[in-house]
Amino acid sequence: MLTAAYTGDSTIAIAEAEPQAPDAGQVQIRVSYVGLCGTDLHILHGSMDARVQTPLVFGHEMSGTIAAVGAGVDGWDVGDAVTVMPLDWDGTCPACLAGNQHICQNLDFIGIDSPGALQALWNVPAATLVALPAGIALDAAALVEPVAVAVHDVRRSEVAPGEKAVVIGGGPIGVLIATVARAFGAEVAVIELDPNRRAQIEALGFATLDPRETDQVAWMEEWTAGAGADVVFEVSGAAAAVLGATALAKVRGTIVVVAIHPTPREIDLQRVFWRELRLLGARVYQRTDFERAVELVADGTIPSAVLISKIVPLSETRAAFDDLQGGRAMKVLVDVQAGQPA
């Protein structure tokens, strides 16, 4: 079978590998589609070289069908359509014992800390499987993982119906957070610099603004009748966005940090103090987030056709990253089975 692996120095190698039978407690998935995301870009750029072991077959946003079932696995059959919640925790650390297994202090994020989905046949612990309903398109189902991120972020925010939320950053996760927040009953605006992305976001029914052209604080005060946003989601990863986020939130408002910031950022703590703001981190997801994400993809709440810019074969994985980096695509899926040897 063919695999796509990060080998260092911004290089992806397409290589042959011999598939292995699943061990006890594992299932083997015939991977259909893999979505490429910002974390994968961090890997490609070398930002996670201290963490990953190369060559790394990566990828964690996926869909597929079960190809084989290992010993001791019950409740799953060959042919079942599935996605994977790619978290493998130890169950013994303080975080796990406190009920926070998804942010285990020794977490194995599958696809980063161990081999991921950019391979024709992928063995994973059976406990990571999430069932997909009959009739769901497998290309759309590859969006379940990032939708689960958005569901977790919105649940963390505790945004209520009728409240106003602003999303800083209109990339794929930002759009998904906006969509999920709206599904939870919030009114949502998105701050985004790129005009093409703003046009796509506006077509989905969201208010947008470019902070280079519009005073975002004045705009927010007008939008909220002087109160400020109930919830601010920082999804851009930009230092200026972090510094400005506190000025957008209402008294006792909530700021949710979603983006991965590779270096420490300056933040206006005086504003945090003055308005008694709540600052939250939101990392990965829990199973309930995945289950809700499956529902949102299956019922059409998530605009899959708008978000998926293109689908490429495994051999074009590196070029797909160039499109993402260059802002020429919102979400690219890799058709892992395309071009596999017969």
Protein backbone atom coordinates (compact mmCIF):
# COMPACT_ATOMS: atom_id res chain seq x y z
CA MET A 1 0.00 0.00 0.00
CA LEU A 2 0.99 3.65 -0.46
CA THR A 3 1.44 6.05 2.43
CA ALA A 4 2.18 9.77 2.78
CA ALA A 5 4.76 10.55 5.46
CA TYR A 6 6.41 13.69 6.79
CA THR A 7 10.16 13.13 6.64
CA GLY A 8 11.43 16.52 7.84
CA ASP A 9 12.47 19.74 6.06
CA SER A 10 8.93 20.40 4.77
CA THR A 11 9.09 17.15 2.81
CA ILE A 12 6.38 14.57 2.28
CA ALA A 13 7.35 11.18 0.88
CA ILE A 14 4.91 8.91 -0.90
CA ALA A 15 6.17 5.42 -0.11
CA GLU A 16 5.11 1.81 -0.16
CA ALA A 17 4.51 -0.06 3.09
CA GLU A 18 3.34 -3.54 3.95
CA PRO A 19 0.02 -3.50 5.78
CA GLN A 20 -0.02 -5.24 9.15
CA ALA A 21 -2.89 -7.24 10.61
CA PRO A 22 -4.62 -5.50 13.54
CA ASP A 23 -3.47 -6.51 17.00
CA ALA A 24 -5.84 -7.61 19.73
CA GLY A 25 -8.13 -4.73 20.62
CA GLN A 26 -7.54 -3.02 17.29
CA VAL A 27 -9.48 -2.63 14.07
CA GLN A 28 -8.10 -2.07 10.61
CA ILE A 29 -9.73 0.72 8.62
CA ARG A 30 -9.71 1.05 4.86
CA VAL A 31 -9.24 4.82 4.83
CA SER A 32 -11.40 6.69 2.34
CA TYR A 33 -10.70 10.39 2.86
CA VAL A 34 -8.34 12.42 5.03
CA GLY A 35 -8.72 16.15 5.62
CA LEU A 36 -5.61 18.33 5.87
CA CYS A 37 -5.59 20.92 8.64
CA GLY A 38 -3.59 23.59 10.41
CA THR A 39 -1.97 21.10 12.78
CA ASP A 40 -0.72 19.14 9.78
CA LEU A 41 0.74 22.39 8.43
CA HIS A 42 2.53 22.90 11.77
CA ILE A 43 4.01 19.40 11.36
CA LEU A 44 5.06 20.09 7.77
CA HIS A 45 6.71 23.38 8.73
CA GLY A 46 8.80 21.63 11.39
CA SER A 47 7.10 23.40 14.29
CA MET A 48 6.45 20.05 15.98
CA ASP A 49 9.77 18.36 15.24
CA ALA A 50 10.52 18.09 18.96
CA ARG A 51 7.38 16.00 19.32
CA VAL A 52 7.02 13.86 16.19
CA GLN A 53 9.18 10.96 15.11
CA THR A 54 10.04 10.87 11.42
CA PRO A 55 9.11 9.44 9.08
CA LEU A 56 5.58 10.10 10.34
CA VAL A 57 2.52 8.92 8.46
CA PHE A 58 0.22 11.66 9.67
CA GLY A 59 -3.41 12.78 9.24
CA HIS A 60 -6.25 12.54 11.77
CA GLU A 61 -9.37 13.97 10.07
CA MET A 62 -10.75 10.94 8.28
CA SER A 63 -13.49 8.58 7.21
CA GLY A 64 -13.44 4.98 6.07
CA THR A 65 -14.79 1.47 6.49
CA ILE A 66 -13.64 -1.39 8.68
CA ALA A 67 -11.45 -3.85 6.76
CA ALA A 68 -10.56 -6.25 9.59
CA VAL A 69 -11.27 -6.74 13.29
CA GLY A 70 -8.64 -7.82 15.80
CA ALA A 71 -9.07 -10.37 18.57
CA GLY A 72 -11.25 -9.34 21.47
CA VAL A 73 -13.10 -6.60 19.59
CA ASP A 74 -16.88 -6.75 19.85
CA GLY A 75 -19.60 -4.59 18.34
CA TRP A 76 -17.85 -3.81 15.06
CA ASP A 77 -18.05 -5.61 11.73
CA VAL A 78 -16.17 -5.52 8.47
CA GLY A 79 -17.78 -2.93 6.21
CA ASP A 80 -18.98 -0.62 8.99
CA ALA A 81 -18.53 3.07 8.10
CA VAL A 82 -16.51 4.84 10.78
CA THR A 83 -14.44 7.82 11.73
CA VAL A 84 -11.86 7.96 14.52
CA MET A 85 -11.58 10.12 17.61
CA PRO A 86 -7.76 10.08 17.51
CA LEU A 87 -7.03 10.23 21.23
CA ASP A 88 -5.43 7.41 23.21
CA TRP A 89 -5.06 8.23 26.92
CA ASP A 90 -3.35 6.31 29.69
CA GLY A 91 -6.20 6.41 32.22
CA THR A 92 -3.81 6.79 35.15
CA CYS A 93 -2.56 10.39 35.17
CA PRO A 94 -4.14 13.08 37.39
CA ALA A 95 -6.09 14.54 34.44
CA CYS A 96 -7.56 11.14 33.54
CA LEU A 97 -8.41 10.33 37.14
CA ALA A 98 -10.23 13.69 37.36
CA GLY A 99 -12.38 12.72 34.35
CA ASN A 100 -10.47 14.75 31.77
CA GLN A 101 -9.13 11.86 29.69
CA HIS A 102 -9.26 13.88 26.47
CA ILE A 103 -6.45 16.09 27.80
CA CYS A 104 -4.49 13.29 29.41
CA GLN A 105 -1.08 14.45 30.60
CA ASN A 106 0.46 11.60 28.58
CA LEU A 107 -1.93 11.79 25.64
CA ASP A 108 -1.15 9.95 22.41
CA PHE A 109 -2.73 12.10 19.72
CA ILE A 110 -2.94 9.57 16.91
CA GLY A 111 -1.62 11.04 13.69
CA ILE A 112 0.88 13.22 15.56
CA ASP A 113 2.40 11.11 18.32
CA SER A 114 1.77 7.84 16.47
CA PRO A 115 0.95 6.86 12.86
CA GLY A 116 -2.07 8.50 11.28
CA ALA A 117 -4.55 8.05 8.47
CA LEU A 118 -2.63 8.87 5.28
CA GLN A 119 -2.32 5.19 4.45
CA ALA A 120 -4.61 2.75 2.70
CA LEU A 121 -5.06 0.46 5.72
CA TRP A 122 -4.78 1.94 9.22
CA ASN A 123 -4.82 0.05 12.53
CA VAL A 124 -6.31 1.91 15.50
CA PRO A 125 -7.62 0.98 18.97
CA ALA A 126 -11.26 -0.09 18.72
CA ALA A 127 -12.09 2.35 21.52
CA THR A 128 -11.35 5.27 19.19
CA LEU A 129 -14.02 4.33 16.63
CA VAL A 130 -17.10 6.48 16.11
CA ALA A 131 -19.89 5.00 14.01
CA LEU A 132 -21.19 6.84 10.96
CA PRO A 133 -24.88 6.63 10.07
CA ALA A 134 -26.11 4.92 6.91
CA GLY A 135 -26.27 7.26 3.95
CA ILE A 136 -23.67 9.79 5.08
CA ALA A 137 -21.21 10.64 2.31
CA LEU A 138 -17.71 9.56 3.28
CA ASP A 139 -16.14 12.73 1.89
CA ALA A 140 -18.38 14.87 4.11
CA ALA A 141 -17.75 12.48 7.01
CA ALA A 142 -14.05 13.38 6.89
CA LEU A 143 -15.14 16.72 8.37
CA VAL A 144 -16.46 15.14 11.57
CA GLU A 145 -13.19 15.59 13.48
CA PRO A 146 -12.84 19.35 12.87
CA VAL A 147 -16.57 19.76 13.51
CA ALA A 148 -16.03 17.99 16.86
CA VAL A 149 -13.32 20.58 17.61
CA ALA A 150 -15.86 23.32 16.95
CA VAL A 151 -18.54 21.63 19.05
CA HIS A 152 -16.11 21.36 21.96
CA ASP A 153 -15.09 25.00 21.61
CA VAL A 154 -18.70 26.18 21.57
CA ARG A 155 -19.66 23.97 24.50
CA ARG A 156 -16.69 25.31 26.47
CA SER A 157 -17.87 28.85 25.82
CA GLU A 158 -21.34 28.14 27.27
CA VAL A 159 -22.81 30.52 24.70
CA ALA A 160 -26.59 30.71 25.11
CA PRO A 161 -29.37 31.16 22.53
CA GLY A 162 -29.74 34.81 21.60
CA GLU A 163 -26.22 35.77 22.69
CA LYS A 164 -23.68 37.33 20.37
CA ALA A 165 -20.41 35.66 19.50
CA VAL A 166 -17.50 36.88 17.41
CA VAL A 167 -15.01 34.56 15.75
CA ILE A 168 -11.55 35.99 15.03
CA GLY A 169 -10.25 34.09 12.01
CA GLY A 170 -12.38 32.75 9.17
CA GLY A 171 -10.43 29.65 8.22
CA PRO A 172 -12.01 26.17 8.28
CA ILE A 173 -12.17 25.92 12.08
CA GLY A 174 -13.41 29.50 12.39
CA VAL A 175 -16.21 28.83 9.92
CA LEU A 176 -17.11 25.62 11.72
CA ILE A 177 -17.20 27.38 15.10
CA ALA A 178 -19.43 30.08 13.61
CA THR A 179 -21.72 27.43 12.13
CA VAL A 180 -21.93 25.40 15.34
CA ALA A 181 -22.46 28.51 17.49
CA ARG A 182 -25.33 29.51 15.22
CA ALA A 183 -26.77 26.01 15.51
CA PHE A 184 -26.62 26.47 19.29
CA GLY A 185 -28.71 29.65 18.90
CA ALA A 186 -26.09 32.40 18.91
CA GLU A 187 -25.84 35.36 16.55
CA VAL A 188 -22.36 35.27 15.03
CA ALA A 189 -19.94 37.65 13.33
CA VAL A 190 -16.56 36.71 11.86
CA ILE A 191 -13.42 38.86 11.68
CA GLU A 192 -11.33 37.85 8.66
CA LEU A 193 -8.65 39.60 6.59
CA ASP A 194 -8.90 37.61 3.35
CA PRO A 195 -11.59 39.01 1.00
CA ASN A 196 -12.24 35.65 -0.68
CA ARG A 197 -12.86 33.99 2.64
CA ARG A 198 -15.08 36.87 3.74
CA ALA A 199 -17.18 36.42 0.62
CA GLN A 200 -17.61 32.71 1.34
CA ILE A 201 -18.50 33.42 4.96
CA GLU A 202 -21.01 36.10 4.02
CA ALA A 203 -22.62 33.65 1.57
CA LEU A 204 -23.22 31.38 4.57
CA GLY A 205 -25.19 34.19 6.24
CA PHE A 206 -22.65 35.57 8.70
CA ALA A 207 -21.71 39.20 9.27
CA THR A 208 -18.02 39.83 8.57
CA LEU A 209 -15.52 42.63 8.95
CA ASP A 210 -11.94 43.40 7.99
CA PRO A 211 -10.23 45.10 10.97
CA ARG A 212 -7.83 46.89 8.60
CA GLU A 213 -10.76 48.74 7.05
CA THR A 214 -13.19 48.93 9.96
CA ASP A 215 -12.62 49.86 13.60
CA GLN A 216 -13.53 46.50 15.10
CA VAL A 217 -14.18 47.87 18.59
CA ALA A 218 -16.57 50.54 17.26
CA TRP A 219 -18.23 47.96 15.03
CA MET A 220 -18.67 45.60 17.98
CA GLU A 221 -20.15 48.31 20.18
CA GLU A 222 -22.67 49.17 17.50
CA TRP A 223 -23.53 45.49 16.88
CA THR A 224 -24.03 44.84 20.59
CA ALA A 225 -25.60 48.20 21.58
CA GLY A 226 -22.48 49.10 23.54
CA ALA A 227 -22.23 45.90 25.57
CA GLY A 228 -19.56 43.89 23.74
CA ALA A 229 -19.71 40.28 22.59
CA ASP A 230 -20.85 37.59 24.98
CA VAL A 231 -18.19 35.25 23.61
CA VAL A 232 -15.02 35.87 21.60
CA PHE A 233 -13.35 32.89 19.89
CA GLU A 234 -9.67 33.49 19.02
CA VAL A 235 -9.00 31.20 16.07
CA SER A 236 -6.51 33.20 14.01
CA GLY A 237 -3.30 32.47 15.89
CA ALA A 238 -2.17 36.07 15.34
CA ALA A 239 -0.53 38.11 18.09
CA ALA A 240 -2.54 41.24 17.21
CA ALA A 241 -5.77 39.27 17.47
CA VAL A 242 -4.94 38.08 20.97
CA LEU A 243 -4.07 41.61 22.09
CA GLY A 244 -7.30 42.99 20.63
CA ALA A 245 -9.64 40.22 21.73
CA THR A 246 -10.20 41.57 25.23
CA ALA A 247 -11.56 44.85 23.84
CA LEU A 248 -14.37 42.98 22.06
CA ALA A 249 -15.85 41.16 25.07
CA LYS A 250 -18.63 42.40 27.32
CA VAL A 251 -18.42 42.74 31.09
CA ARG A 252 -18.01 39.18 32.37
CA GLY A 253 -17.71 37.99 28.80
CA THR A 254 -15.79 34.91 27.73
CA ILE A 255 -12.72 34.60 25.50
CA VAL A 256 -12.01 31.12 24.17
CA VAL A 257 -8.48 30.49 22.88
CA VAL A 258 -8.75 27.95 20.06
CA ALA A 259 -5.70 28.62 17.87
CA ILE A 260 -2.34 27.00 18.51
CA HIS A 261 0.06 29.82 19.41
CA PRO A 262 3.66 28.68 18.93
CA THR A 263 5.07 31.43 21.17
CA PRO A 264 3.80 33.37 24.20
CA ARG A 265 1.52 36.29 23.33
CA GLU A 266 0.89 39.70 24.87
CA ILE A 267 -2.59 40.05 26.37
CA ASP A 268 -4.37 43.03 27.95
CA LEU A 269 -4.72 41.75 31.51
CA GLN A 270 -5.91 45.15 32.70
CA ARG A 271 -8.99 44.67 30.54
CA VAL A 272 -9.39 41.12 31.87
CA PHE A 273 -9.35 42.55 35.38
CA TRP A 274 -11.52 45.58 34.65
CA ARG A 275 -14.34 43.67 32.98
CA GLU A 276 -13.96 40.44 34.96
CA LEU A 277 -13.43 38.52 31.75
CA ARG A 278 -13.21 34.75 31.62
CA LEU A 279 -10.32 33.34 29.59
CA LEU A 280 -10.63 29.69 28.52
CA GLY A 281 -8.50 27.26 26.59
CA ALA A 282 -10.21 24.74 24.33
CA ARG A 283 -8.22 21.74 23.18
CA VAL A 284 -9.44 18.72 21.19
CA TYR A 285 -12.79 17.14 22.13
CA GLN A 286 -14.73 14.52 24.03
CA ARG A 287 -16.84 11.68 22.68
CA THR A 288 -20.05 13.64 23.13
CA ASP A 289 -18.55 16.30 20.83
CA PHE A 290 -17.87 13.68 18.18
CA GLU A 291 -21.38 12.28 18.42
CA ARG A 292 -22.89 15.76 18.03
CA ALA A 293 -20.53 16.46 15.14
CA VAL A 294 -21.72 13.34 13.32
CA GLU A 295 -25.30 14.59 13.68
CA LEU A 296 -24.44 18.06 12.36
CA VAL A 297 -22.64 16.67 9.32
CA ALA A 298 -25.33 14.08 8.61
CA ASP A 299 -28.26 16.51 8.83
CA GLY A 300 -26.62 19.10 6.56
CA THR A 301 -26.06 21.77 9.21
CA ILE A 302 -22.38 21.78 8.23
CA PRO A 303 -21.98 23.21 4.69
CA SER A 304 -19.68 20.43 3.52
CA ALA A 305 -19.88 21.31 -0.17
CA VAL A 306 -18.76 24.88 0.58
CA LEU A 307 -15.95 23.88 2.92
CA ILE A 308 -14.42 21.13 0.76
CA SER A 309 -12.51 23.05 -1.90
CA LYS A 310 -10.99 20.06 -3.64
CA ILE A 311 -10.22 16.36 -3.35
CA VAL A 312 -6.82 15.09 -4.46
CA PRO A 313 -5.15 11.66 -4.69
CA LEU A 314 -2.53 10.66 -2.13
CA SER A 315 0.24 11.45 -4.64
CA GLU A 316 -0.75 15.16 -4.59
CA THR A 317 -0.66 15.59 -0.80
CA ARG A 318 2.32 17.98 -0.87
CA ALA A 319 0.75 20.19 -3.54
CA ALA A 320 -2.47 20.27 -1.50
CA PHE A 321 -0.55 21.77 1.42
CA ASP A 322 0.76 24.46 -0.91
CA ASP A 323 -2.84 25.36 -1.80
CA LEU A 324 -3.77 25.56 1.87
CA GLN A 325 -0.72 27.63 2.72
CA GLY A 326 -1.37 29.96 -0.18
CA GLY A 327 -5.00 30.54 0.77
CA ARG A 328 -6.25 28.89 -2.43
CA ALA A 329 -8.42 26.37 -0.60
CA MET A 330 -10.61 26.23 2.50
CA LYS A 331 -10.39 22.48 3.10
CA VAL A 332 -8.61 19.87 0.99
CA LEU A 333 -9.37 16.17 1.28
CA VAL A 334 -7.00 13.41 0.24
CA ASP A 335 -8.66 10.45 -1.49
CA VAL A 336 -6.39 7.83 0.04
CA GLN A 337 -7.59 4.93 -2.13
CA ALA A 338 -7.06 6.81 -5.40
CA GLY A 339 -3.92 5.49 -7.05
CA GLN A 340 -3.38 2.64 -4.61
CA PRO A 341 -1.93 -0.49 -6.23
CA ALA A 342 -4.52 -3.10 -7.14
